[in-house]
């Protein structure tokens, strides 16, 4: 017996099995209870939440890098030092 070589096979297989179980539950009349706790909808919410948090973290890191570069450039050009008004 040959092994499955596609690395995404088991993910697709598991999703297909769960979708089949959901469709059977809907056909049997357990529609209202099963929709609220659906495995597939929970997985989609987790995926969406992960993507959103990934974007937020990425933007925060980019913002920190930009601020640090700007502050270092200002310090290098002595823009952060108070100016002494010398009038003679």
N, C-alpha and C. Protein backbone atom coordinates (compact mmCIF):
# COMPACT_ATOMS: atom_id res chain seq x y z
N UNK A 1 0.85 -1.18 0.00
CA UNK A 1 0.00 0.00 0.00
C UNK A 1 0.89 1.24 0.00
N UNK A 2 0.63 2.14 -0.89
CA UNK A 2 1.44 3.34 -1.03
C UNK A 2 0.97 4.41 -0.05
N UNK A 3 1.90 5.19 0.41
CA UNK A 3 1.58 6.30 1.31
C UNK A 3 1.15 7.51 0.51
N UNK A 4 0.37 8.36 1.14
CA UNK A 4 -0.08 9.59 0.50
C UNK A 4 1.08 10.58 0.51
N UNK A 5 1.40 11.13 -0.64
CA UNK A 5 2.56 12.02 -0.75
C UNK A 5 2.19 13.50 -0.68
N UNK A 6 0.94 13.82 -0.84
CA UNK A 6 0.50 15.20 -0.77
C UNK A 6 0.42 15.63 0.69
N UNK A 7 1.17 16.66 1.09
CA UNK A 7 1.17 17.06 2.50
C UNK A 7 -0.16 17.66 2.97
N UNK A 8 -0.96 18.15 2.07
CA UNK A 8 -2.25 18.76 2.45
C UNK A 8 -3.39 17.76 2.39
N UNK A 9 -3.11 16.50 2.05
CA UNK A 9 -4.16 15.51 1.89
C UNK A 9 -4.96 15.33 3.17
N UNK A 10 -4.28 15.16 4.30
CA UNK A 10 -4.99 14.86 5.55
C UNK A 10 -5.82 16.04 6.01
N UNK A 11 -5.37 17.26 5.74
CA UNK A 11 -6.17 18.45 6.07
C UNK A 11 -7.45 18.46 5.23
N UNK A 12 -7.31 18.22 3.94
CA UNK A 12 -8.49 18.18 3.07
C UNK A 12 -9.41 17.02 3.44
N UNK A 13 -8.83 15.89 3.75
CA UNK A 13 -9.61 14.72 4.14
C UNK A 13 -10.41 15.00 5.40
N UNK A 14 -9.76 15.59 6.40
CA UNK A 14 -10.43 15.90 7.66
C UNK A 14 -11.56 16.91 7.44
N UNK A 15 -11.30 17.92 6.62
CA UNK A 15 -12.33 18.92 6.32
C UNK A 15 -13.51 18.27 5.61
N UNK A 16 -13.24 17.39 4.67
CA UNK A 16 -14.32 16.71 3.95
C UNK A 16 -15.14 15.83 4.88
N UNK A 17 -14.49 15.14 5.80
CA UNK A 17 -15.22 14.29 6.75
C UNK A 17 -16.12 15.15 7.64
N UNK A 18 -15.58 16.25 8.14
CA UNK A 18 -16.38 17.12 9.01
C UNK A 18 -17.54 17.76 8.25
N UNK A 19 -17.31 18.14 7.01
CA UNK A 19 -18.40 18.72 6.22
C UNK A 19 -19.48 17.66 5.97
N UNK A 20 -19.08 16.42 5.76
CA UNK A 20 -20.03 15.33 5.57
C UNK A 20 -20.85 15.11 6.84
N UNK A 21 -20.18 15.14 7.99
CA UNK A 21 -20.88 14.98 9.27
C UNK A 21 -21.87 16.12 9.50
N UNK A 22 -21.48 17.34 9.13
CA UNK A 22 -22.38 18.49 9.27
C UNK A 22 -23.60 18.34 8.38
N UNK A 23 -23.40 17.90 7.15
CA UNK A 23 -24.54 17.76 6.25
C UNK A 23 -25.49 16.67 6.74
N UNK A 24 -24.96 15.61 7.31
CA UNK A 24 -25.81 14.56 7.88
C UNK A 24 -26.59 15.08 9.09
N UNK A 25 -25.94 15.90 9.91
CA UNK A 25 -26.62 16.46 11.08
C UNK A 25 -27.73 17.40 10.67
N UNK A 26 -27.51 18.17 9.61
CA UNK A 26 -28.53 19.09 9.11
C UNK A 26 -29.72 18.29 8.58
N UNK A 27 -29.44 17.21 7.89
CA UNK A 27 -30.52 16.38 7.34
C UNK A 27 -31.32 15.69 8.43
N UNK A 28 -30.72 15.45 9.58
CA UNK A 28 -31.41 14.77 10.66
C UNK A 28 -32.18 15.73 11.56
N UNK A 29 -32.06 17.03 11.35
CA UNK A 29 -32.84 17.99 12.11
C UNK A 29 -32.11 18.62 13.28
N UNK A 30 -30.84 18.38 13.44
CA UNK A 30 -30.06 18.99 14.52
C UNK A 30 -29.42 20.28 14.03
N UNK A 31 -30.08 20.98 13.17
CA UNK A 31 -29.53 22.15 12.50
C UNK A 31 -29.24 23.31 13.46
N UNK A 32 -30.15 23.65 14.33
CA UNK A 32 -29.98 24.84 15.19
C UNK A 32 -28.83 24.68 16.17
N UNK A 33 -28.73 23.54 16.80
CA UNK A 33 -27.66 23.33 17.79
C UNK A 33 -26.31 23.16 17.12
N UNK A 34 -26.28 22.51 15.99
CA UNK A 34 -25.02 22.16 15.34
C UNK A 34 -24.37 23.37 14.68
N UNK A 35 -25.15 24.34 14.19
CA UNK A 35 -24.58 25.51 13.54
C UNK A 35 -23.77 26.36 14.49
N UNK A 36 -24.22 26.49 15.73
CA UNK A 36 -23.51 27.35 16.69
C UNK A 36 -22.15 26.79 17.04
N UNK A 37 -22.00 25.48 17.06
CA UNK A 37 -20.75 24.88 17.47
C UNK A 37 -20.11 24.09 16.33
N UNK A 38 -20.30 24.54 15.13
CA UNK A 38 -19.78 23.83 13.97
C UNK A 38 -18.25 23.83 13.98
N UNK A 39 -17.67 22.69 13.73
CA UNK A 39 -16.21 22.58 13.71
C UNK A 39 -15.63 23.44 12.59
N UNK A 40 -16.25 23.39 11.44
CA UNK A 40 -15.74 24.13 10.30
C UNK A 40 -15.82 25.63 10.53
N UNK A 41 -16.91 26.11 11.10
CA UNK A 41 -17.02 27.55 11.37
C UNK A 41 -16.03 27.98 12.45
N UNK A 42 -15.79 27.12 13.43
CA UNK A 42 -14.77 27.46 14.45
C UNK A 42 -13.39 27.54 13.83
N UNK A 43 -13.07 26.63 12.95
CA UNK A 43 -11.77 26.64 12.28
C UNK A 43 -11.62 27.89 11.41
N UNK A 44 -12.68 28.28 10.74
CA UNK A 44 -12.62 29.50 9.91
C UNK A 44 -12.44 30.74 10.77
N UNK A 45 -13.13 30.79 11.92
CA UNK A 45 -12.95 31.93 12.83
C UNK A 45 -11.52 31.99 13.35
N UNK A 46 -10.96 30.83 13.71
CA UNK A 46 -9.57 30.80 14.18
C UNK A 46 -8.61 31.28 13.11
N UNK A 47 -8.83 30.85 11.89
CA UNK A 47 -7.97 31.25 10.78
C UNK A 47 -8.07 32.76 10.55
N UNK A 48 -9.29 33.28 10.56
CA UNK A 48 -9.49 34.72 10.36
C UNK A 48 -8.83 35.52 11.47
N UNK A 49 -9.00 35.05 12.72
CA UNK A 49 -8.40 35.73 13.87
C UNK A 49 -6.87 35.71 13.77
N UNK A 50 -6.31 34.60 13.34
CA UNK A 50 -4.85 34.49 13.19
C UNK A 50 -4.33 35.47 12.13
N UNK A 51 -5.05 35.58 11.03
CA UNK A 51 -4.64 36.49 9.98
C UNK A 51 -4.70 37.93 10.47
N UNK A 52 -5.76 38.29 11.17
CA UNK A 52 -5.90 39.66 11.68
C UNK A 52 -4.79 39.98 12.67
N UNK A 53 -4.54 39.08 13.63
CA UNK A 53 -3.49 39.32 14.61
C UNK A 53 -2.12 39.36 13.95
N UNK A 54 -1.89 38.54 12.94
CA UNK A 54 -0.63 38.58 12.21
C UNK A 54 -0.40 39.93 11.55
N UNK A 55 -1.46 40.47 10.94
CA UNK A 55 -1.35 41.80 10.31
C UNK A 55 -1.11 42.89 11.34
N UNK A 56 -1.80 42.81 12.48
CA UNK A 56 -1.62 43.81 13.54
C UNK A 56 -0.19 43.78 14.06
N UNK A 57 0.34 42.60 14.31
CA UNK A 57 1.71 42.47 14.81
C UNK A 57 2.71 42.96 13.77
N UNK A 58 2.48 42.61 12.50
CA UNK A 58 3.37 43.07 11.44
C UNK A 58 3.38 44.60 11.37
N UNK A 59 2.21 45.23 11.40
CA UNK A 59 2.14 46.68 11.34
C UNK A 59 2.79 47.34 12.55
N UNK A 60 2.64 46.73 13.73
CA UNK A 60 3.28 47.27 14.93
C UNK A 60 4.80 47.21 14.81
N UNK A 61 5.32 46.11 14.30
CA UNK A 61 6.77 45.98 14.13
C UNK A 61 7.28 47.00 13.11
N UNK A 62 6.55 47.16 12.01
CA UNK A 62 6.95 48.14 10.99
C UNK A 62 6.92 49.55 11.58
N UNK A 63 5.92 49.86 12.36
CA UNK A 63 5.82 51.18 12.98
C UNK A 63 6.99 51.42 13.94
N UNK A 64 7.34 50.43 14.73
CA UNK A 64 8.46 50.56 15.66
C UNK A 64 9.77 50.77 14.90
N UNK A 65 9.95 50.05 13.81
CA UNK A 65 11.16 50.21 13.01
C UNK A 65 11.23 51.60 12.40
N UNK A 66 10.12 52.09 11.87
CA UNK A 66 10.09 53.42 11.26
C UNK A 66 10.39 54.49 12.30
N UNK A 67 9.78 54.40 13.47
CA UNK A 67 10.02 55.39 14.52
C UNK A 67 11.48 55.35 14.96
N UNK A 68 12.05 54.18 15.13
CA UNK A 68 13.44 54.10 15.56
C UNK A 68 14.39 54.65 14.50
N UNK A 69 14.12 54.40 13.22
CA UNK A 69 14.96 54.95 12.15
C UNK A 69 14.87 56.47 12.12
N UNK A 70 13.67 57.00 12.25
CA UNK A 70 13.49 58.46 12.24
C UNK A 70 14.19 59.10 13.44
N UNK A 71 14.03 58.50 14.62
CA UNK A 71 14.69 59.07 15.81
C UNK A 71 16.21 58.99 15.70
N UNK A 72 16.73 57.89 15.17
CA UNK A 72 18.19 57.81 15.02
C UNK A 72 18.69 58.81 13.99
N UNK A 73 17.94 59.03 12.92
CA UNK A 73 18.33 60.03 11.93
C UNK A 73 18.31 61.44 12.53
N UNK A 74 17.27 61.73 13.33
CA UNK A 74 17.20 63.04 13.98
C UNK A 74 18.34 63.22 14.98
N UNK A 75 18.69 62.19 15.71
CA UNK A 75 19.79 62.30 16.67
C UNK A 75 21.12 62.47 15.95
N UNK A 76 21.29 61.81 14.82
CA UNK A 76 22.54 61.92 14.07
C UNK A 76 22.72 63.33 13.51
N UNK A 77 21.65 63.99 13.13
CA UNK A 77 21.71 65.34 12.57
C UNK A 77 21.53 66.43 13.62
N UNK A 78 21.58 66.06 14.88
CA UNK A 78 21.47 66.99 16.01
C UNK A 78 20.18 67.79 15.99
N UNK A 79 19.13 67.23 15.53
CA UNK A 79 17.84 67.90 15.54
C UNK A 79 17.18 67.81 16.91
N UNK A 80 17.60 66.88 17.72
CA UNK A 80 16.98 66.70 19.03
C UNK A 80 17.64 67.57 20.10
N UNK A 81 18.77 68.20 19.78
CA UNK A 81 19.45 69.05 20.74
C UNK A 81 18.80 70.43 20.77
N UNK A 82 18.69 71.00 21.96
CA UNK A 82 18.11 72.36 22.02
C UNK A 82 19.06 73.36 21.34
N UNK A 83 18.49 74.29 20.64
CA UNK A 83 19.30 75.29 19.91
C UNK A 83 19.54 76.49 20.83
N UNK A 84 20.77 76.91 20.85
CA UNK A 84 21.13 78.10 21.62
C UNK A 84 21.11 79.29 20.70
N UNK A 85 20.32 80.28 21.07
CA UNK A 85 20.25 81.50 20.27
C UNK A 85 21.37 82.43 20.71
N UNK A 86 22.37 82.49 19.90
CA UNK A 86 23.51 83.35 20.20
C UNK A 86 23.40 84.60 19.34
N UNK A 87 23.10 85.71 19.98
CA UNK A 87 22.99 86.98 19.26
C UNK A 87 24.02 87.92 19.84
N UNK A 88 24.93 88.42 19.04
CA UNK A 88 25.97 89.31 19.52
C UNK A 88 25.86 90.64 18.86
